[in-house]
Protein backbone atom coordinates (compact mmCIF):
# COMPACT_ATOMS: atom_id res chain seq x y z
CA UNK A 1 -22.28 24.66 29.90
CA UNK A 2 -25.66 24.70 28.56
CA UNK A 3 -27.53 27.67 30.24
CA UNK A 4 -30.81 28.62 28.67
CA UNK A 5 -33.65 29.54 30.18
CA UNK A 6 -36.85 28.02 30.17
CA UNK A 7 -39.55 30.09 30.83
CA UNK A 8 -40.51 27.45 33.87
CA UNK A 9 -41.58 27.59 38.11
CA UNK A 10 -39.48 25.67 40.96
CA UNK A 11 -40.63 25.62 44.19
CA UNK A 12 -38.79 23.17 46.34
CA UNK A 13 -38.94 22.64 49.84
CA UNK A 14 -35.51 21.66 51.63
CA UNK A 15 -34.98 21.03 55.00
CA UNK A 16 -38.43 22.28 55.80
CA UNK A 17 -37.69 25.62 53.66
CA UNK A 18 -40.24 26.52 50.86
CA UNK A 19 -38.28 28.35 47.82
CA UNK A 20 -39.74 30.12 44.87
CA UNK A 21 -37.80 30.64 41.19
CA UNK A 22 -40.35 32.85 39.57
CA UNK A 23 -40.07 32.10 35.40
CA UNK A 24 -38.46 28.97 35.82
CA UNK A 25 -40.39 25.59 35.15
CA UNK A 26 -42.94 23.61 37.66
CA UNK A 27 -46.29 23.77 38.25
CA UNK A 28 -47.76 26.99 40.44
CA UNK A 29 -46.54 25.65 44.01
CA UNK A 30 -45.16 22.14 43.12
CA UNK A 31 -43.18 21.21 45.84
CA UNK A 32 -39.86 19.70 44.82
CA UNK A 33 -40.15 16.08 46.55
CA UNK A 34 -39.69 12.47 45.65
CA UNK A 35 -41.73 12.63 42.62
CA UNK A 36 -38.95 15.16 41.07
CA UNK A 37 -35.56 14.48 43.14
CA UNK A 38 -34.23 11.14 43.44
CA UNK A 39 -34.68 10.08 47.09
CA UNK A 40 -32.46 7.63 48.46
CA UNK A 41 -34.29 5.01 50.27
CA UNK A 42 -34.85 1.82 52.63
CA UNK A 43 -31.86 -0.25 52.28
CA UNK A 44 -33.48 -3.74 50.00
CA UNK A 45 -32.94 -6.89 51.98
CA UNK A 46 -29.55 -8.33 51.86
CA UNK A 47 -28.10 -5.18 50.48
CA UNK A 48 -26.80 -3.99 53.63
CA UNK A 49 -23.61 -2.11 54.26
CA UNK A 50 -21.13 -2.65 57.83
CA UNK A 51 -22.61 1.03 59.23
CA UNK A 52 -20.07 0.12 62.21
CA UNK A 53 -16.50 -0.75 60.63
CA UNK A 54 -17.90 1.92 57.26
CA UNK A 55 -17.90 4.45 59.75
CA UNK A 56 -14.86 3.66 61.39
CA UNK A 57 -13.22 3.43 58.14
CA UNK A 58 -14.40 7.09 57.24
CA UNK A 59 -13.50 8.33 60.11
CA UNK A 60 -9.98 9.55 59.18
CA UNK A 61 -10.68 10.01 55.94
CA UNK A 62 -13.96 12.47 56.46
CA UNK A 63 -12.85 13.46 59.47
CA UNK A 64 -15.41 13.81 62.43
CA UNK A 65 -18.35 14.87 59.99
CA UNK A 66 -19.05 11.06 59.62
CA UNK A 67 -19.77 10.95 64.00
CA UNK A 68 -23.38 10.92 63.04
CA UNK A 69 -23.11 8.73 59.43
CA UNK A 70 -26.78 7.31 58.31
CA UNK A 71 -27.02 5.08 55.10
CA UNK A 72 -29.72 4.88 52.83
CA UNK A 73 -30.17 3.10 49.38
CA UNK A 74 -30.97 4.32 45.99
CA UNK A 75 -33.66 2.19 44.29
CA UNK A 76 -32.46 2.21 40.75
CA UNK A 77 -30.67 0.75 39.29
CA UNK A 78 -29.43 -3.24 38.10
CA UNK A 79 -25.92 -3.49 38.52
CA UNK A 80 -23.58 -1.20 41.06
CA UNK A 81 -25.25 -0.45 44.37
CA UNK A 82 -25.56 3.39 44.93
CA UNK A 83 -26.37 3.90 48.50
CA UNK A 84 -26.71 8.44 50.46
CA UNK A 85 -24.49 8.98 53.63
CA UNK A 86 -25.21 11.20 55.59
CA UNK A 87 -23.99 13.35 58.68
CA UNK A 88 -25.11 16.74 59.46
CA UNK A 89 -25.01 18.63 56.54
CA UNK A 90 -23.16 16.49 55.04
CA UNK A 91 -23.60 14.24 51.96
CA UNK A 92 -21.84 11.79 50.02
CA UNK A 93 -22.45 8.55 47.56
CA UNK A 94 -21.75 5.23 47.78
CA UNK A 95 -20.65 3.73 44.95
CA UNK A 96 -20.18 -0.49 44.94
CA UNK A 97 -20.70 -3.77 43.34
CA UNK A 98 -23.16 -5.99 43.65
CA UNK A 99 -23.29 -8.66 46.23
CA UNK A 100 -22.20 -11.88 45.19
CA UNK A 101 -20.36 -10.13 41.72
CA UNK A 102 -18.09 -12.74 40.30
CA UNK A 103 -17.12 -10.66 37.13
CA UNK A 104 -14.80 -8.18 38.29
CA UNK A 105 -14.40 -6.87 35.51
CA UNK A 106 -17.80 -5.85 34.33
CA UNK A 107 -18.14 -3.74 38.16
CA UNK A 108 -14.06 -2.05 38.80
CA UNK A 109 -14.67 0.89 40.95
CA UNK A 110 -11.37 1.81 41.12
CA UNK A 111 -12.24 2.23 36.82
CA UNK A 112 -14.76 4.57 37.61
CA UNK A 113 -13.08 6.84 39.95
CA UNK A 114 -9.98 7.61 37.88
CA UNK A 115 -12.59 8.40 34.81
CA UNK A 116 -14.59 10.95 37.31
CA UNK A 117 -10.96 11.99 38.42
CA UNK A 118 -10.09 12.51 35.13
CA UNK A 119 -13.13 14.25 34.07
CA UNK A 120 -13.18 16.77 36.69
CA UNK A 121 -11.13 19.92 34.92
CA UNK A 122 -12.53 19.28 31.53
CA UNK A 123 -15.97 17.92 31.36
CA UNK A 124 -17.94 19.45 34.39
CA UNK A 125 -21.29 17.19 34.79
CA UNK A 126 -19.00 14.06 36.37
CA UNK A 127 -19.43 13.94 40.35
CA UNK A 128 -16.59 15.05 42.12
CA UNK A 129 -14.68 12.22 43.18
CA UNK A 130 -13.84 11.68 46.81
CA UNK A 131 -12.20 8.77 47.66
CA UNK A 132 -11.25 5.06 46.72
CA UNK A 133 -11.31 2.13 48.87
CA UNK A 134 -9.87 -1.21 48.14
CA UNK A 135 -9.63 -2.98 51.29
CA UNK A 136 -11.94 -5.35 51.12
CA UNK A 137 -11.97 -5.73 55.17
CA UNK A 138 -14.13 -2.79 54.92
CA UNK A 139 -17.01 -3.42 52.58
CA UNK A 140 -15.63 -6.46 51.25
CA UNK A 141 -15.48 -5.00 47.85
CA UNK A 142 -13.50 -1.77 46.32
CA UNK A 143 -15.94 1.05 46.91
CA UNK A 144 -15.91 4.68 46.54
CA UNK A 145 -17.44 8.12 47.86
CA UNK A 146 -18.36 11.37 45.23
CA UNK A 147 -20.94 13.88 45.72
CA UNK A 148 -23.94 13.85 45.98
CA UNK A 149 -25.95 16.16 43.72
CA UNK A 150 -29.09 17.27 43.83
CA UNK A 151 -31.22 17.62 41.17
CA UNK A 152 -34.12 16.75 38.65
CA UNK A 153 -34.28 13.51 37.22
CA UNK A 154 -36.84 12.32 34.47
CA UNK A 155 -37.60 8.69 34.68
CA UNK A 156 -40.43 6.98 32.26
CA UNK A 157 -42.79 9.79 33.13
CA UNK A 158 -42.51 13.45 33.22
CA UNK A 159 -43.48 13.87 36.98
CA UNK A 160 -46.82 15.88 36.71
CA UNK A 161 -45.53 18.34 38.64
CA UNK A 162 -43.72 19.55 35.67
CA UNK A 163 -46.10 21.72 33.94
CA UNK A 164 -43.52 21.87 30.65
CA UNK A 165 -45.11 22.36 27.34
CA UNK A 166 -44.22 20.20 24.28
CA UNK A 167 -41.49 23.42 23.57
CA UNK A 168 -39.80 23.07 26.29
CA UNK A 169 -39.97 18.92 26.10
CA UNK A 170 -38.23 19.77 23.16
CA UNK A 171 -35.66 21.62 24.00
CA UNK A 172 -34.31 19.93 27.31
CA UNK A 173 -33.88 16.62 25.37
CA UNK A 174 -31.95 18.86 23.08
CA UNK A 175 -30.16 20.27 25.70
CA UNK A 176 -29.73 16.01 27.15
CA UNK A 177 -28.16 15.22 23.63
CA UNK A 178 -25.97 18.29 23.50
CA UNK A 179 -24.24 17.02 26.47
CA UNK A 180 -23.46 13.53 25.51
CA UNK A 181 -22.30 15.46 22.07
CA UNK A 182 -19.92 18.16 24.16
CA UNK A 183 -18.37 14.76 25.68
CA UNK A 184 -17.67 13.42 22.49
CA UNK A 185 -15.22 16.22 22.16
CA UNK A 186 -13.37 16.05 25.73
CA UNK A 187 -9.79 16.70 24.37
CA UNK A 188 -8.15 12.90 25.56
CA UNK A 189 -5.23 13.25 26.04
CA UNK A 190 -5.69 16.86 28.39
CA UNK A 191 -7.86 14.41 30.53
CA UNK A 192 -5.13 11.82 30.81
CA UNK A 193 -7.83 9.33 28.96
CA UNK A 194 -5.88 8.61 25.89
CA UNK A 195 -5.12 5.16 27.39
CA UNK A 196 -8.45 4.58 28.87
CA UNK A 197 -9.40 2.47 25.69
CA UNK A 198 -8.67 1.05 22.34
CA UNK A 199 -9.90 2.88 19.61
CA UNK A 200 -8.71 1.07 16.62
CA UNK A 201 -10.88 -2.11 16.26
CA UNK A 202 -14.07 -0.81 18.79
CA UNK A 203 -16.42 -1.34 16.54
CA UNK A 204 -15.76 -5.06 15.98
CA UNK A 205 -14.91 -5.77 19.52
CA UNK A 206 -18.02 -3.87 20.70
CA UNK A 207 -19.94 -7.13 18.39
CA UNK A 208 -17.75 -9.76 18.94
CA UNK A 209 -18.00 -8.96 23.19
CA UNK A 210 -22.04 -8.43 23.32
CA UNK A 211 -22.40 -11.18 21.12
CA UNK A 212 -20.51 -13.84 23.65
CA UNK A 213 -21.90 -12.13 26.53
CA UNK A 214 -25.45 -12.67 24.91
CA UNK A 215 -24.30 -16.34 24.01
CA UNK A 216 -22.98 -17.33 27.96
CA UNK A 217 -26.27 -15.71 29.48
CA UNK A 218 -28.95 -18.08 27.56
CA UNK A 219 -31.41 -19.80 29.22
CA UNK A 220 -34.13 -22.18 28.02
CA UNK A 221 -37.05 -19.64 27.49
CA UNK A 222 -34.92 -17.19 25.98
CA UNK A 223 -35.64 -15.48 22.66
CA UNK A 224 -33.14 -16.68 19.77
CA UNK A 225 -31.27 -13.98 18.88
CA UNK A 226 -28.82 -16.08 16.02
CA UNK A 227 -30.10 -13.41 13.42
CA UNK A 228 -29.66 -10.28 14.88
CA UNK A 229 -25.76 -11.45 16.17
CA UNK A 230 -25.36 -12.29 12.33
CA UNK A 231 -27.16 -9.61 11.21
CA UNK A 232 -24.44 -6.82 12.96
CA UNK A 233 -21.79 -9.01 11.38
CA UNK A 234 -22.96 -8.26 7.83
CA UNK A 235 -23.10 -4.34 8.35
CA UNK A 236 -20.57 -3.38 10.14
CA UNK A 237 -19.72 0.12 9.01
CA UNK A 238 -16.55 1.28 8.84
CA UNK A 239 -15.18 2.99 12.27
CA UNK A 240 -15.66 6.75 12.56
CA UNK A 241 -12.21 7.51 12.79
CA UNK A 242 -12.61 9.97 16.00
CA UNK A 243 -11.76 8.11 19.39
CA UNK A 244 -13.88 10.12 22.46
CA UNK A 245 -14.68 9.88 26.02
CA UNK A 246 -18.03 7.18 25.61
CA UNK A 247 -20.80 6.76 28.49
CA UNK A 248 -22.34 3.18 27.15
CA UNK A 249 -25.14 4.25 29.16
CA UNK A 250 -26.51 7.69 28.73
CA UNK A 251 -30.42 7.83 29.36
CA UNK A 252 -32.51 10.42 31.61
CA UNK A 253 -32.60 8.91 34.89
CA UNK A 254 -28.58 8.92 34.40
CA UNK A 255 -28.63 12.95 34.02
CA UNK A 256 -29.35 14.92 36.49
CA UNK A 257 -31.13 18.10 36.16
CA UNK A 258 -30.91 21.34 37.56
CA UNK A 259 -34.07 22.31 39.71
CA UNK A 260 -33.75 26.45 39.58
CA UNK A 261 -33.41 25.67 35.53
CA UNK A 262 -34.83 22.25 34.00
CA UNK A 263 -33.54 22.90 30.96
CA UNK A 264 -29.67 22.81 32.31
CA UNK A 265 -28.28 19.88 32.76
CA UNK A 266 -25.46 19.82 35.47
CA UNK A 267 -24.60 16.22 36.18
CA UNK A 268 -24.81 12.71 34.46
CA UNK A 269 -24.01 9.57 36.82
CA UNK A 270 -23.02 5.57 36.31
CA UNK A 271 -20.21 6.07 34.52
CA UNK A 272 -19.31 1.95 34.91
CA UNK A 273 -19.29 1.22 31.20
CA UNK A 274 -17.47 4.68 29.93
CA UNK A 275 -14.40 3.75 28.08
CA UNK A 276 -12.80 5.57 25.01
CA UNK A 277 -14.08 4.08 21.61
CA UNK A 278 -16.26 5.02 18.44
CA UNK A 279 -18.69 8.19 19.51
CA UNK A 280 -21.44 6.65 16.86
CA UNK A 281 -21.47 3.46 19.08
CA UNK A 282 -22.32 5.30 22.18
CA UNK A 283 -24.93 7.05 20.00
CA UNK A 284 -26.10 3.88 19.01
CA UNK A 285 -26.44 3.18 23.11
CA UNK A 286 -29.04 6.26 23.51
CA UNK A 287 -31.11 5.75 20.68
CA UNK A 288 -31.43 1.53 21.87
CA UNK A 289 -33.59 3.24 24.47
CA UNK A 290 -35.45 5.93 22.61
CA UNK A 291 -39.07 4.92 21.24
CA UNK A 292 -41.09 7.79 19.27
CA UNK A 293 -44.93 8.03 18.63
CA UNK A 294 -45.23 6.32 15.70
CA UNK A 295 -43.19 2.81 17.50
CA UNK A 296 -45.04 0.03 17.83
CA UNK A 297 -47.18 -0.08 20.75
CA UNK A 298 -45.05 -3.63 21.83
CA UNK A 299 -42.27 -1.73 22.17
CA UNK A 300 -43.41 1.90 23.59
CA UNK A 301 -44.57 0.05 26.17
CA UNK A 302 -41.28 -0.89 27.43
CA UNK A 303 -39.86 2.32 26.96
CA UNK A 304 -37.73 3.47 29.88
CA UNK A 305 -37.45 7.14 28.97
CA UNK A 306 -40.99 9.80 28.62
CA UNK A 307 -39.43 9.94 24.73
CA UNK A 308 -42.56 9.53 22.22
CA UNK A 309 -44.49 12.40 24.29
CA UNK A 310 -45.41 15.63 22.01
CA UNK A 311 -42.25 17.48 21.36
CA UNK A 312 -39.90 14.91 22.19
CA UNK A 313 -37.67 15.03 19.11
CA UNK A 314 -37.50 11.68 16.79
CA UNK A 315 -34.53 9.60 15.88
CA UNK A 316 -34.15 11.00 13.01
CA UNK A 317 -34.07 14.60 14.16
CA UNK A 318 -31.57 12.80 17.13
CA UNK A 319 -29.14 12.09 14.61
CA UNK A 320 -29.52 15.36 12.91
CA UNK A 321 -28.45 17.44 15.67
CA UNK A 322 -25.65 14.72 16.54
CA UNK A 323 -24.49 15.34 13.09
CA UNK A 324 -24.45 19.46 13.49
CA UNK A 325 -22.97 19.06 16.59
CA UNK A 326 -20.37 16.77 16.10
CA UNK A 327 -19.62 16.72 12.42
CA UNK A 328 -19.81 13.10 12.14
CA UNK A 329 -22.03 11.66 9.83
CA UNK A 330 -24.18 8.97 10.71
CA UNK A 331 -24.35 6.90 7.60
CA UNK A 332 -26.10 3.44 9.03
CA UNK A 333 -28.55 4.40 11.03
CA UNK A 334 -29.88 0.68 11.45
CA UNK A 335 -27.02 -0.72 12.54
CA UNK A 336 -26.34 1.51 15.60
CA UNK A 337 -29.78 1.46 16.23
CA UNK A 338 -30.18 -2.67 15.87
CA UNK A 339 -26.80 -2.13 17.81
CA UNK A 340 -28.18 -0.58 21.17
CA UNK A 341 -31.10 -2.75 20.83
CA UNK A 342 -29.15 -6.06 20.80
CA UNK A 343 -27.09 -4.47 23.41
CA UNK A 344 -29.94 -3.73 26.11
CA UNK A 345 -30.91 -7.50 25.16
CA UNK A 346 -28.40 -8.72 26.21
CA UNK A 347 -28.05 -6.84 29.77
CA UNK A 348 -31.46 -7.54 30.35
CA UNK A 349 -30.92 -11.50 29.58
CA UNK A 350 -28.09 -11.16 32.08
CA UNK A 351 -29.63 -9.74 34.60
CA UNK A 352 -32.44 -12.18 33.74
CA UNK A 353 -29.90 -15.26 34.04
CA UNK A 354 -29.06 -14.37 37.69
CA UNK A 355 -32.63 -14.34 38.82
CA UNK A 356 -33.59 -17.63 36.53
CA UNK A 357 -30.41 -18.92 38.45
CA UNK A 358 -31.35 -17.98 41.76
CA UNK A 359 -28.49 -15.49 42.39
CA UNK A 360 -30.44 -12.96 43.08
CA UNK A 361 -34.08 -12.92 44.60
CA UNK A 362 -34.70 -9.42 42.61
CA UNK A 363 -38.44 -9.62 41.18
CA UNK A 364 -37.67 -6.90 39.58
CA UNK A 365 -34.55 -9.22 36.92
CA UNK A 366 -37.83 -11.48 36.07
CA UNK A 367 -39.57 -9.58 33.91
CA UNK A 368 -36.53 -8.86 32.00
CA UNK A 369 -36.84 -11.91 29.92
CA UNK A 370 -39.79 -10.22 28.39
CA UNK A 371 -38.58 -6.91 27.58
CA UNK A 372 -35.13 -8.96 25.54
CA UNK A 373 -38.00 -10.84 23.27
CA UNK A 374 -39.20 -7.22 22.77
CA UNK A 375 -36.44 -5.94 22.09
CA UNK A 376 -35.45 -8.63 19.32
CA UNK A 377 -38.91 -8.06 17.65
CA UNK A 378 -38.05 -4.43 17.05
CA UNK A 379 -34.63 -5.75 15.77
CA UNK A 380 -36.05 -7.66 13.55
CA UNK A 381 -38.24 -4.88 12.08
CA UNK A 382 -35.59 -2.91 11.50
CA UNK A 383 -33.66 -5.61 10.22
CA UNK A 384 -36.86 -6.24 7.58
CA UNK A 385 -36.57 -2.22 6.79
CA UNK A 386 -40.13 -2.00 8.34
CA UNK A 387 -38.71 0.44 10.66
CA UNK A 388 -35.97 3.07 8.80
CA UNK A 389 -35.43 6.13 11.21
């Protein structure tokens, strides 16, 4: 596990007690609150859980710990729903599919639980799986419980309470990518995950699969992505030759950094798309999120991570670091970057499709069609050779 001292100061308040860590990283007298810790809040309308039924089910599973069970919902995410369960000093996280979802394969709770269970002894960053439930009488769907990890979550902007220098930002983000490289080095046989996916032909299946998902999710107001789909087919590289556990949605708001040392990753969340496949495709998924300071403004406006601030590594530096850590050459950067962008566009369009057809009233979903257009514009610039790194 990465353990680097960061020259930062942390001040946190937990259950009314103020704690200060000298020499660690937040601004003086900063209080770790909702700005820094991923806090759960009110449950969105239509996404409530049957608390009485849940409590009755969990009593024999968790014991008397659930006598005073309270439930809140984490606000982020567009796919699987995540809730914080609290009873006294005990905390757990509950994961379930979105309400009204018909695509079981896209929200396979048992698969997530299996992956987290397998990684426990070989990769220290996954939440500890606690219990899996396939009894439809409880919540009307499969769900599972896992441990709650309290820490720092970096979203679109660095919180003002963080007083990071450019050097500290650079170190933290390189550490972020180093943990991805660690995941790709997990021994599949030792973890018991060698049968999880089909690594042979993975790249071709990914391109075919995401193209089909795009076609299935098109709406009348959608940008045309035919050129990107054809380009991906025409420029597909050979397989890297390495099969790895891959996360498939590795970004800073799916990662938890330590409150005691914000340089250090202590947890990785949202394993719903994890599988065994080509690690270069996993790198491409993350590059699709990565904006940098010399990118077009229209692309930077839609960033989801603070990757274009002073000190943040560029995509070229990330690729070089990845090659050093894994020993895998990245010979076709443009392909992996365009794949990452197209995949994000498909996910956004699938989300927008649900809104367009009235399957959800969540107004966050309405904006996704604009983001898809931005991702396609960026892809076109790369395909024309106007952006090369």
